[in-house]
Amino acid sequence: MESTIFVHDDKGIRGYGAVYGNEIRTLLVHPRFRRQGIGSQLLDHMMAWIGSPATLCVAKSNVTAKALYQQYGFRVTGEFEACYNGNPVLANKMEQSCTR
């Protein structure tokens, strides 16, 4: 089994997320629908699905996403170099230390 997918669909897909075990692998909201609570709604559903402290990786430069995750009790626990679209990027591993 691979990731479980969660989709926010309101007359069209506005965002989606993916979970594998206790790892949040993806959380994406279409740019046109950001800052409307869709990311929080998806994260709420994914956290309920996981049911235990979660982990995730995020680009170190993605300050907005990291701020959302911190509201859910995540904290940066590591930094590593990853490859995104063929380009090297710095990424952070985040782990949930408590629930919201």
PDB file of N, CA and C in Angstrom:
ATOM      1  N   MET A   1       0.836  -1.184   0.000  1.00  0.00           N
ATOM      2  CA  MET A   1       0.000   0.000   0.000  1.00  0.00           C
ATOM      3  C   MET A   1       0.880   1.247   0.000  1.00  0.00           C
ATOM      4  N   GLU A   2       0.482   2.222  -0.768  1.00  0.00           N
ATOM      5  CA  GLU A   2       1.211   3.484  -0.811  1.00  0.00           C
ATOM      6  C   GLU A   2       0.417   4.531  -0.044  1.00  0.00           C
ATOM      7  N   SER A   3       0.586   5.775  -0.321  1.00  0.00           N
ATOM      8  CA  SER A   3      -0.022   6.875   0.428  1.00  0.00           C
ATOM      9  C   SER A   3      -1.549   6.889   0.346  1.00  0.00           C
ATOM     10  N   THR A   4      -2.168   7.373   1.408  1.00  0.00           N
ATOM     11  CA  THR A   4      -3.588   7.671   1.429  1.00  0.00           C
ATOM     12  C   THR A   4      -3.728   9.129   1.010  1.00  0.00           C
ATOM     13  N   ILE A   5      -4.633   9.403   0.070  1.00  0.00           N
ATOM     14  CA  ILE A   5      -4.782  10.743  -0.500  1.00  0.00           C
ATOM     15  C   ILE A   5      -6.040  11.405   0.056  1.00  0.00           C
ATOM     16  N   PHE A   6      -5.925  12.692   0.402  1.00  0.00           N
ATOM     17  CA  PHE A   6      -7.037  13.508   0.869  1.00  0.00           C
ATOM     18  C   PHE A   6      -7.181  14.673  -0.104  1.00  0.00           C
ATOM     19  N   VAL A   7      -8.413  14.939  -0.557  1.00  0.00           N
ATOM     20  CA  VAL A   7      -8.648  15.980  -1.546  1.00  0.00           C
ATOM     21  C   VAL A   7      -9.689  16.961  -1.024  1.00  0.00           C
ATOM     22  N   HIS A   8      -9.414  18.245  -1.167  1.00  0.00           N
ATOM     23  CA  HIS A   8     -10.404  19.289  -0.877  1.00  0.00           C
ATOM     24  C   HIS A   8     -11.015  19.664  -2.215  1.00  0.00           C
ATOM     25  N   ASP A   9     -12.283  19.303  -2.396  1.00  0.00           N
ATOM     26  CA  ASP A   9     -12.972  19.514  -3.663  1.00  0.00           C
ATOM     27  C   ASP A   9     -14.223  20.334  -3.413  1.00  0.00           C
ATOM     28  N   ASP A  10     -14.241  21.546  -3.918  1.00  0.00           N
ATOM     29  CA  ASP A  10     -15.402  22.428  -3.802  1.00  0.00           C
ATOM     30  C   ASP A  10     -15.613  23.034  -5.185  1.00  0.00           C
ATOM     31  N   LYS A  11     -16.367  22.312  -6.034  1.00  0.00           N
ATOM     32  CA  LYS A  11     -16.550  22.702  -7.435  1.00  0.00           C
ATOM     33  C   LYS A  11     -15.203  22.755  -8.145  1.00  0.00           C
ATOM     34  N   GLY A  12     -14.342  21.846  -7.800  1.00  0.00           N
ATOM     35  CA  GLY A  12     -13.005  21.755  -8.369  1.00  0.00           C
ATOM     36  C   GLY A  12     -12.005  21.483  -7.261  1.00  0.00           C
ATOM     37  N   ILE A  13     -10.938  20.803  -7.602  1.00  0.00           N
ATOM     38  CA  ILE A  13      -9.925  20.468  -6.606  1.00  0.00           C
ATOM     39  C   ILE A  13      -9.173  21.740  -6.224  1.00  0.00           C
ATOM     40  N   ARG A  14      -9.169  22.027  -4.912  1.00  0.00           N
ATOM     41  CA  ARG A  14      -8.498  23.225  -4.415  1.00  0.00           C
ATOM     42  C   ARG A  14      -7.232  22.888  -3.638  1.00  0.00           C
ATOM     43  N   GLY A  15      -7.119  21.644  -3.208  1.00  0.00           N
ATOM     44  CA  GLY A  15      -5.931  21.222  -2.489  1.00  0.00           C
ATOM     45  C   GLY A  15      -5.960  19.729  -2.270  1.00  0.00           C
ATOM     46  N   TYR A  16      -4.815  19.170  -1.927  1.00  0.00           N
ATOM     47  CA  TYR A  16      -4.748  17.749  -1.609  1.00  0.00           C
ATOM     48  C   TYR A  16      -3.583  17.480  -0.679  1.00  0.00           C
ATOM     49  N   GLY A  17      -3.646  16.334  -0.044  1.00  0.00           N
ATOM     50  CA  GLY A  17      -2.570  15.895   0.839  1.00  0.00           C
ATOM     51  C   GLY A  17      -2.401  14.394   0.731  1.00  0.00           C
ATOM     52  N   ALA A  18      -1.253  13.912   1.162  1.00  0.00           N
ATOM     53  CA  ALA A  18      -0.967  12.488   1.131  1.00  0.00           C
ATOM     54  C   ALA A  18      -0.275  12.084   2.426  1.00  0.00           C
ATOM     55  N   VAL A  19      -0.697  10.930   2.959  1.00  0.00           N
ATOM     56  CA  VAL A  19      -0.154  10.387   4.201  1.00  0.00           C
ATOM     57  C   VAL A  19       0.297   8.957   3.959  1.00  0.00           C
ATOM     58  N   TYR A  20       1.445   8.609   4.509  1.00  0.00           N
ATOM     59  CA  TYR A  20       1.919   7.226   4.501  1.00  0.00           C
ATOM     60  C   TYR A  20       2.391   6.914   5.910  1.00  0.00           C
ATOM     61  N   GLY A  21       1.696   6.004   6.585  1.00  0.00           N
ATOM     62  CA  GLY A  21       2.016   5.711   7.985  1.00  0.00           C
ATOM     63  C   GLY A  21       1.766   6.958   8.805  1.00  0.00           C
ATOM     64  N   ASN A  22       2.796   7.429   9.511  1.00  0.00           N
ATOM     65  CA  ASN A  22       2.638   8.676  10.277  1.00  0.00           C
ATOM     66  C   ASN A  22       3.356   9.849   9.602  1.00  0.00           C
ATOM     67  N   GLU A  23       3.696   9.684   8.325  1.00  0.00           N
ATOM     68  CA  GLU A  23       4.401  10.733   7.584  1.00  0.00           C
ATOM     69  C   GLU A  23       3.448  11.465   6.642  1.00  0.00           C
ATOM     70  N   ILE A  24       3.399  12.782   6.775  1.00  0.00           N
ATOM     71  CA  ILE A  24       2.675  13.608   5.823  1.00  0.00           C
ATOM     72  C   ILE A  24       3.622  13.818   4.649  1.00  0.00           C
ATOM     73  N   ARG A  25       3.261  13.256   3.517  1.00  0.00           N
ATOM     74  CA  ARG A  25       4.149  13.319   2.358  1.00  0.00           C
ATOM     75  C   ARG A  25       3.877  14.528   1.474  1.00  0.00           C
ATOM     76  N   THR A  26       2.641  14.990   1.467  1.00  0.00           N
ATOM     77  CA  THR A  26       2.283  16.118   0.619  1.00  0.00           C
ATOM     78  C   THR A  26       1.148  16.903   1.255  1.00  0.00           C
ATOM     79  N   LEU A  27       1.220  18.209   1.156  1.00  0.00           N
ATOM     80  CA  LEU A  27       0.100  19.095   1.470  1.00  0.00           C
ATOM     81  C   LEU A  27       0.227  20.262   0.504  1.00  0.00           C
ATOM     82  N   LEU A  28      -0.716  20.371  -0.415  1.00  0.00           N
ATOM     83  CA  LEU A  28      -0.647  21.389  -1.454  1.00  0.00           C
ATOM     84  C   LEU A  28      -2.008  22.044  -1.617  1.00  0.00           C
ATOM     85  N   VAL A  29      -2.021  23.370  -1.630  1.00  0.00           N
ATOM     86  CA  VAL A  29      -3.225  24.148  -1.905  1.00  0.00           C
ATOM     87  C   VAL A  29      -2.951  24.985  -3.146  1.00  0.00           C
ATOM     88  N   HIS A  30      -3.884  24.962  -4.090  1.00  0.00           N
ATOM     89  CA  HIS A  30      -3.746  25.755  -5.308  1.00  0.00           C
ATOM     90  C   HIS A  30      -3.524  27.215  -4.912  1.00  0.00           C
ATOM     91  N   PRO A  31      -2.575  27.909  -5.550  1.00  0.00           N
ATOM     92  CA  PRO A  31      -2.258  29.287  -5.157  1.00  0.00           C
ATOM     93  C   PRO A  31      -3.472  30.223  -5.104  1.00  0.00           C
ATOM     94  N   ARG A  32      -4.439  30.025  -5.966  1.00  0.00           N
ATOM     95  CA  ARG A  32      -5.620  30.887  -5.997  1.00  0.00           C
ATOM     96  C   ARG A  32      -6.496  30.732  -4.757  1.00  0.00           C
ATOM     97  N   PHE A  33      -6.338  29.609  -4.025  1.00  0.00           N
ATOM     98  CA  PHE A  33      -7.204  29.330  -2.887  1.00  0.00           C
ATOM     99  C   PHE A  33      -6.462  29.332  -1.553  1.00  0.00           C
ATOM    100  N   ARG A  34      -5.244  29.820  -1.549  1.00  0.00           N
ATOM    101  CA  ARG A  34      -4.479  29.877  -0.302  1.00  0.00           C
ATOM    102  C   ARG A  34      -5.043  30.938   0.631  1.00  0.00           C
ATOM    103  N   ARG A  35      -4.759  30.780   1.916  1.00  0.00           N
ATOM    104  CA  ARG A  35      -5.217  31.703   2.974  1.00  0.00           C
ATOM    105  C   ARG A  35      -6.729  31.708   3.141  1.00  0.00           C
ATOM    106  N   GLN A  36      -7.355  30.555   2.826  1.00  0.00           N
ATOM    107  CA  GLN A  36      -8.798  30.392   3.010  1.00  0.00           C
ATOM    108  C   GLN A  36      -9.100  29.255   3.983  1.00  0.00           C
ATOM    109  N   GLY A  37      -8.084  28.718   4.638  1.00  0.00           N
ATOM    110  CA  GLY A  37      -8.279  27.650   5.607  1.00  0.00           C
ATOM    111  C   GLY A  37      -8.260  26.251   5.029  1.00  0.00           C
ATOM    112  N   ILE A  38      -8.020  26.118   3.745  1.00  0.00           N
ATOM    113  CA  ILE A  38      -8.027  24.801   3.109  1.00  0.00           C
ATOM    114  C   ILE A  38      -6.870  23.947   3.606  1.00  0.00           C
ATOM    115  N   GLY A  39      -5.685  24.535   3.734  1.00  0.00           N
ATOM    116  CA  GLY A  39      -4.535  23.784   4.251  1.00  0.00           C
ATOM    117  C   GLY A  39      -4.801  23.277   5.657  1.00  0.00           C
ATOM    118  N   SER A  40      -5.399  24.114   6.497  1.00  0.00           N
ATOM    119  CA  SER A  40      -5.727  23.694   7.867  1.00  0.00           C
ATOM    120  C   SER A  40      -6.764  22.574   7.869  1.00  0.00           C
ATOM    121  N   GLN A  41      -7.779  22.678   7.002  1.00  0.00           N
ATOM    122  CA  GLN A  41      -8.795  21.627   6.930  1.00  0.00           C
ATOM    123  C   GLN A  41      -8.175  20.297   6.517  1.00  0.00           C
ATOM    124  N   LEU A  42      -7.330  20.350   5.498  1.00  0.00           N
ATOM    125  CA  LEU A  42      -6.661  19.123   5.059  1.00  0.00           C
ATOM    126  C   LEU A  42      -5.765  18.566   6.159  1.00  0.00           C
ATOM    127  N   LEU A  43      -5.011  19.440   6.806  1.00  0.00           N
ATOM    128  CA  LEU A  43      -4.109  19.000   7.866  1.00  0.00           C
ATOM    129  C   LEU A  43      -4.891  18.404   9.032  1.00  0.00           C
ATOM    130  N   ASP A  44      -6.037  18.999   9.379  1.00  0.00           N
ATOM    131  CA  ASP A  44      -6.902  18.430  10.421  1.00  0.00           C
ATOM    132  C   ASP A  44      -7.302  16.999  10.078  1.00  0.00           C
ATOM    133  N   HIS A  45      -7.746  16.783   8.832  1.00  0.00           N
ATOM    134  CA  HIS A  45      -8.162  15.440   8.407  1.00  0.00           C
ATOM    135  C   HIS A  45      -6.996  14.456   8.414  1.00  0.00           C
ATOM    136  N   MET A  46      -5.853  14.912   7.945  1.00  0.00           N
ATOM    137  CA  MET A  46      -4.692  14.018   7.906  1.00  0.00           C
ATOM    138  C   MET A  46      -4.229  13.659   9.314  1.00  0.00           C
ATOM    139  N   MET A  47      -4.233  14.642  10.216  1.00  0.00           N
ATOM    140  CA  MET A  47      -3.805  14.369  11.590  1.00  0.00           C
ATOM    141  C   MET A  47      -4.778  13.401  12.274  1.00  0.00           C
ATOM    142  N   ALA A  48      -6.080  13.552  12.014  1.00  0.00           N
ATOM    143  CA  ALA A  48      -7.068  12.620  12.573  1.00  0.00           C
ATOM    144  C   ALA A  48      -6.840  11.217  12.011  1.00  0.00           C
ATOM    145  N   TRP A  49      -6.488  11.125  10.751  1.00  0.00           N
ATOM    146  CA  TRP A  49      -6.226   9.834  10.110  1.00  0.00           C
ATOM    147  C   TRP A  49      -4.997   9.173  10.737  1.00  0.00           C
ATOM    148  N   ILE A  50      -3.954   9.946  10.951  1.00  0.00           N
ATOM    149  CA  ILE A  50      -2.709   9.412  11.506  1.00  0.00           C
ATOM    150  C   ILE A  50      -2.922   8.967  12.948  1.00  0.00           C
ATOM    151  N   GLY A  51      -3.549   9.802  13.759  1.00  0.00           N
ATOM    152  CA  GLY A  51      -3.880   9.434  15.133  1.00  0.00           C
ATOM    153  C   GLY A  51      -2.708   9.367  16.100  1.00  0.00           C
ATOM    154  N   SER A  52      -1.535   9.737  15.692  1.00  0.00           N
ATOM    155  CA  SER A  52      -0.356   9.735  16.574  1.00  0.00           C
ATOM    156  C   SER A  52       0.577  10.845  16.088  1.00  0.00           C
ATOM    157  N   PRO A  53       1.610  11.165  16.836  1.00  0.00           N
ATOM    158  CA  PRO A  53       2.533  12.200  16.368  1.00  0.00           C
ATOM    159  C   PRO A  53       3.027  11.909  14.944  1.00  0.00           C
ATOM    160  N   ALA A  54       3.066  12.948  14.135  1.00  0.00           N
ATOM    161  CA  ALA A  54       3.407  12.817  12.724  1.00  0.00           C
ATOM    162  C   ALA A  54       4.770  13.419  12.427  1.00  0.00           C
ATOM    163  N   THR A  55       5.283  13.103  11.247  1.00  0.00           N
ATOM    164  CA  THR A  55       6.518  13.688  10.732  1.00  0.00           C
ATOM    165  C   THR A  55       6.248  14.202   9.324  1.00  0.00           C
ATOM    166  N   LEU A  56       7.117  15.080   8.861  1.00  0.00           N
ATOM    167  CA  LEU A  56       7.020  15.580   7.490  1.00  0.00           C
ATOM    168  C   LEU A  56       8.334  16.227   7.116  1.00  0.00           C
ATOM    169  N   CYS A  57       8.504  16.484   5.830  1.00  0.00           N
ATOM    170  CA  CYS A  57       9.660  17.224   5.331  1.00  0.00           C
ATOM    171  C   CYS A  57       9.135  18.389   4.511  1.00  0.00           C
ATOM    172  N   VAL A  58       9.807  19.519   4.613  1.00  0.00           N
ATOM    173  CA  VAL A  58       9.372  20.740   3.933  1.00  0.00           C
ATOM    174  C   VAL A  58      10.607  21.528   3.533  1.00  0.00           C
ATOM    175  N   ALA A  59      10.499  22.255   2.429  1.00  0.00           N
ATOM    176  CA  ALA A  59      11.614  23.105   2.016  1.00  0.00           C
ATOM    177  C   ALA A  59      11.932  24.097   3.134  1.00  0.00           C
ATOM    178  N   LYS A  60      13.188  24.245   3.434  1.00  0.00           N
ATOM    179  CA  LYS A  60      13.601  25.152   4.506  1.00  0.00           C
ATOM    180  C   LYS A  60      13.106  26.573   4.246  1.00  0.00           C
ATOM    181  N   SER A  61      13.021  26.963   2.993  1.00  0.00           N
ATOM    182  CA  SER A  61      12.605  28.316   2.635  1.00  0.00           C
ATOM    183  C   SER A  61      11.084  28.521   2.674  1.00  0.00           C
ATOM    184  N   ASN A  62      10.316  27.457   2.871  1.00  0.00           N
ATOM    185  CA  ASN A  62       8.851  27.565   2.852  1.00  0.00           C
ATOM    186  C   ASN A  62       8.339  28.002   4.228  1.00  0.00           C
ATOM    187  N   VAL A  63       8.543  29.263   4.522  1.00  0.00           N
ATOM    188  CA  VAL A  63       8.216  29.833   5.836  1.00  0.00           C
ATOM    189  C   VAL A  63       6.724  29.738   6.126  1.00  0.00           C
ATOM    190  N   THR A  64       5.875  29.951   5.137  1.00  0.00           N
ATOM    191  CA  THR A  64       4.424  29.908   5.336  1.00  0.00           C
ATOM    192  C   THR A  64       3.972  28.519   5.764  1.00  0.00           C
ATOM    193  N   ALA A  65       4.434  27.484   5.072  1.00  0.00           N
ATOM    194  CA  ALA A  65       4.057  26.116   5.426  1.00  0.00           C
ATOM    195  C   ALA A  65       4.587  25.752   6.810  1.00  0.00           C
ATOM    196  N   LYS A  66       5.816  26.128   7.087  1.00  0.00           N
ATOM    197  CA  LYS A  66       6.398  25.805   8.393  1.00  0.00           C
ATOM    198  C   LYS A  66       5.618  26.472   9.525  1.00  0.00           C
ATOM    199  N   ALA A  67       5.133  27.690   9.307  1.00  0.00           N
ATOM    200  CA  ALA A  67       4.327  28.378  10.332  1.00  0.00           C
ATOM    201  C   ALA A  67       3.027  27.620  10.583  1.00  0.00           C
ATOM    202  N   LEU A  68       2.395  27.113   9.524  1.00  0.00           N
ATOM    203  CA  LEU A  68       1.180  26.314   9.691  1.00  0.00           C
ATOM    204  C   LEU A  68       1.486  25.056  10.492  1.00  0.00           C
ATOM    205  N   TYR A  69       2.537  24.347  10.134  1.00  0.00           N
ATOM    206  CA  TYR A  69       2.888  23.108  10.835  1.00  0.00           C
ATOM    207  C   TYR A  69       3.216  23.380  12.307  1.00  0.00           C
ATOM    208  N   GLN A  70       3.863  24.496  12.586  1.00  0.00           N
ATOM    209  CA  GLN A  70       4.184  24.832  13.978  1.00  0.00           C
ATOM    210  C   GLN A  70       2.924  25.041  14.804  1.00  0.00           C
ATOM    211  N   GLN A  71       1.852  25.529  14.190  1.00  0.00           N
ATOM    212  CA  GLN A  71       0.574  25.666  14.894  1.00  0.00           C
ATOM    213  C   GLN A  71       0.022  24.312  15.322  1.00  0.00           C
ATOM    214  N   TYR A  72       0.457  23.250  14.669  1.00  0.00           N
ATOM    215  CA  TYR A  72       0.019  21.893  14.978  1.00  0.00           C
ATOM    216  C   TYR A  72       1.030  21.148  15.850  1.00  0.00           C
ATOM    217  N   GLY A  73       1.973  21.875  16.417  1.00  0.00           N
ATOM    218  CA  GLY A  73       2.929  21.263  17.328  1.00  0.00           C
ATOM    219  C   GLY A  73       4.156  20.662  16.686  1.00  0.00           C
ATOM    220  N   PHE A  74       4.388  20.946  15.406  1.00  0.00           N
ATOM    221  CA  PHE A  74       5.589  20.446  14.741  1.00  0.00           C
ATOM    222  C   PHE A  74       6.770  21.356  15.059  1.00  0.00           C
ATOM    223  N   ARG A  75       7.956  20.740  15.108  1.00  0.00           N
ATOM    224  CA  ARG A  75       9.175  21.513  15.278  1.00  0.00           C
ATOM    225  C   ARG A  75      10.242  20.920  14.370  1.00  0.00           C
ATOM    226  N   VAL A  76      11.154  21.770  13.949  1.00  0.00           N
ATOM    227  CA  VAL A  76      12.245  21.333  13.071  1.00  0.00           C
ATOM    228  C   VAL A  76      13.192  20.452  13.876  1.00  0.00           C
ATOM    229  N   THR A  77      13.483  19.259  13.340  1.00  0.00           N
ATOM    230  CA  THR A  77      14.392  18.339  14.025  1.00  0.00           C
ATOM    231  C   THR A  77      15.615  17.989  13.184  1.00  0.00           C
ATOM    232  N   GLY A  78      15.659  18.494  11.963  1.00  0.00           N
ATOM    233  CA  GLY A  78      16.815  18.194  11.128  1.00  0.00           C
ATOM    234  C   GLY A  78      16.801  18.998   9.847  1.00  0.00           C
ATOM    235  N   GLU A  79      17.943  19.016   9.181  1.00  0.00           N
ATOM    236  CA  GLU A  79      18.095  19.717   7.915  1.00  0.00           C
ATOM    237  C   GLU A  79      18.919  18.839   6.996  1.00  0.00           C
ATOM    238  N   PHE A  80      18.514  18.799   5.715  1.00  0.00           N
ATOM    239  CA  PHE A  80      19.238  17.971   4.752  1.00  0.00           C
ATOM    240  C   PHE A  80      19.073  18.566   3.362  1.00  0.00           C
ATOM    241  N   GLU A  81      19.925  18.138   2.440  1.00  0.00           N
ATOM    242  CA  GLU A  81      19.806  18.574   1.058  1.00  0.00           C
ATOM    243  C   GLU A  81      18.954  17.570   0.307  1.00  0.00           C
ATOM    244  N   ALA A  82      17.989  18.079  -0.453  1.00  0.00           N
ATOM    245  CA  ALA A  82      17.102  17.236  -1.247  1.00  0.00           C
ATOM    246  C   ALA A  82      17.153  17.730  -2.694  1.00  0.00           C
ATOM    247  N   CYS A  83      16.472  17.029  -3.565  1.00  0.00           N
ATOM    248  CA  CYS A  83      16.408  17.403  -4.965  1.00  0.00           C
ATOM    249  C   CYS A  83      14.939  17.650  -5.318  1.00  0.00           C
ATOM    250  N   TYR A  84      14.631  18.814  -5.884  1.00  0.00           N
ATOM    251  CA  TYR A  84      13.274  19.152  -6.272  1.00  0.00           C
ATOM    252  C   TYR A  84      13.313  19.657  -7.706  1.00  0.00           C
ATOM    253  N   ASN A  85      12.612  18.953  -8.590  1.00  0.00           N
ATOM    254  CA  ASN A  85      12.619  19.295 -10.020  1.00  0.00           C
ATOM    255  C   ASN A  85      14.036  19.395 -10.578  1.00  0.00           C
ATOM    256  N   GLY A  86      14.893  18.503 -10.109  1.00  0.00           N
ATOM    257  CA  GLY A  86      16.262  18.461 -10.604  1.00  0.00           C
ATOM    258  C   GLY A  86      17.206  19.476  -9.990  1.00  0.00           C
ATOM    259  N   ASN A  87      16.710  20.252  -9.019  1.00  0.00           N
ATOM    260  CA  ASN A  87      17.543  21.276  -8.387  1.00  0.00           C
ATOM    261  C   ASN A  87      17.765  20.945  -6.912  1.00  0.00           C
ATOM    262  N   PRO A  88      18.978  21.169  -6.413  1.00  0.00           N
ATOM    263  CA  PRO A  88      19.216  20.932  -4.991  1.00  0.00           C
ATOM    264  C   PRO A  88      18.527  22.001  -4.139  1.00  0.00           C
ATOM    265  N   VAL A  89      17.890  21.575  -3.052  1.00  0.00           N
ATOM    266  CA  VAL A  89      17.246  22.490  -2.106  1.00  0.00           C
ATOM    267  C   VAL A  89      17.546  22.023  -0.689  1.00  0.00           C
ATOM    268  N   LEU A  90      17.569  22.951   0.246  1.00  0.00           N
ATOM    269  CA  LEU A  90      17.673  22.581   1.650  1.00  0.00           C
ATOM    270  C   LEU A  90      16.264  22.288   2.155  1.00  0.00           C
ATOM    271  N   ALA A  91      16.137  21.224   2.906  1.00  0.00           N
ATOM    272  CA  ALA A  91      14.845  20.818   3.459  1.00  0.00           C
ATOM    273  C   ALA A  91      14.975  20.626   4.966  1.00  0.00           C
ATOM    274  N   ASN A  92      13.851  20.741   5.640  1.00  0.00           N
ATOM    275  CA  ASN A  92      13.791  20.479   7.084  1.00  0.00           C
ATOM    276  C   ASN A  92      12.910  19.275   7.341  1.00  0.00           C
ATOM    277  N   LYS A  93      13.351  18.436   8.264  1.00  0.00           N
ATOM    278  CA  LYS A  93      12.475  17.394   8.795  1.00  0.00           C
ATOM    279  C   LYS A  93      11.779  18.028   9.977  1.00  0.00           C
ATOM    280  N   MET A  94      10.465  17.819  10.080  1.00  0.00           N
ATOM    281  CA  MET A  94       9.703  18.332  11.208  1.00  0.00           C
ATOM    282  C   MET A  94       8.971  17.164  11.870  1.00  0.00           C
ATOM    283  N   GLU A  95       8.932  17.199  13.187  1.00  0.00           N
ATOM    284  CA  GLU A  95       8.234  16.172  13.951  1.00  0.00           C
ATOM    285  C   GLU A  95       7.248  16.846  14.881  1.00  0.00           C
ATOM    286  N   GLN A  96       6.132  16.195  15.070  1.00  0.00           N
ATOM    287  CA  GLN A  96       5.095  16.742  15.936  1.00  0.00           C
ATOM    288  C   GLN A  96       5.429  16.395  17.388  1.00  0.00           C
ATOM    289  N   SER A  97       5.498  17.416  18.211  1.00  0.00           N
ATOM    290  CA  SER A  97       5.816  17.197  19.631  1.00  0.00           C
ATOM    291  C   SER A  97       4.568  17.193  20.484  1.00  0.00           C
ATOM    292  N   CYS A  98       3.473  17.763  19.967  1.00  0.00           N
ATOM    293  CA  CYS A  98       2.193  17.736  20.685  1.00  0.00           C
ATOM    294  C   CYS A  98       1.093  17.989  19.682  1.00  0.00           C
ATOM    295  N   THR A  99      -0.140  17.709  20.078  1.00  0.00           N
ATOM    296  CA  THR A  99      -1.271  17.959  19.182  1.00  0.00           C
ATOM    297  C   THR A  99      -1.833  19.335  19.428  1.00  0.00           C
ATOM    298  N   ARG A 100      -2.547  19.825  18.473  1.00  0.00           N
ATOM    299  CA  ARG A 100      -3.126  21.163  18.535  1.00  0.00           C
ATOM    300  C   ARG A 100      -4.277  21.253  19.492  1.00  0.00           C
TER     301      ARG A 100
END
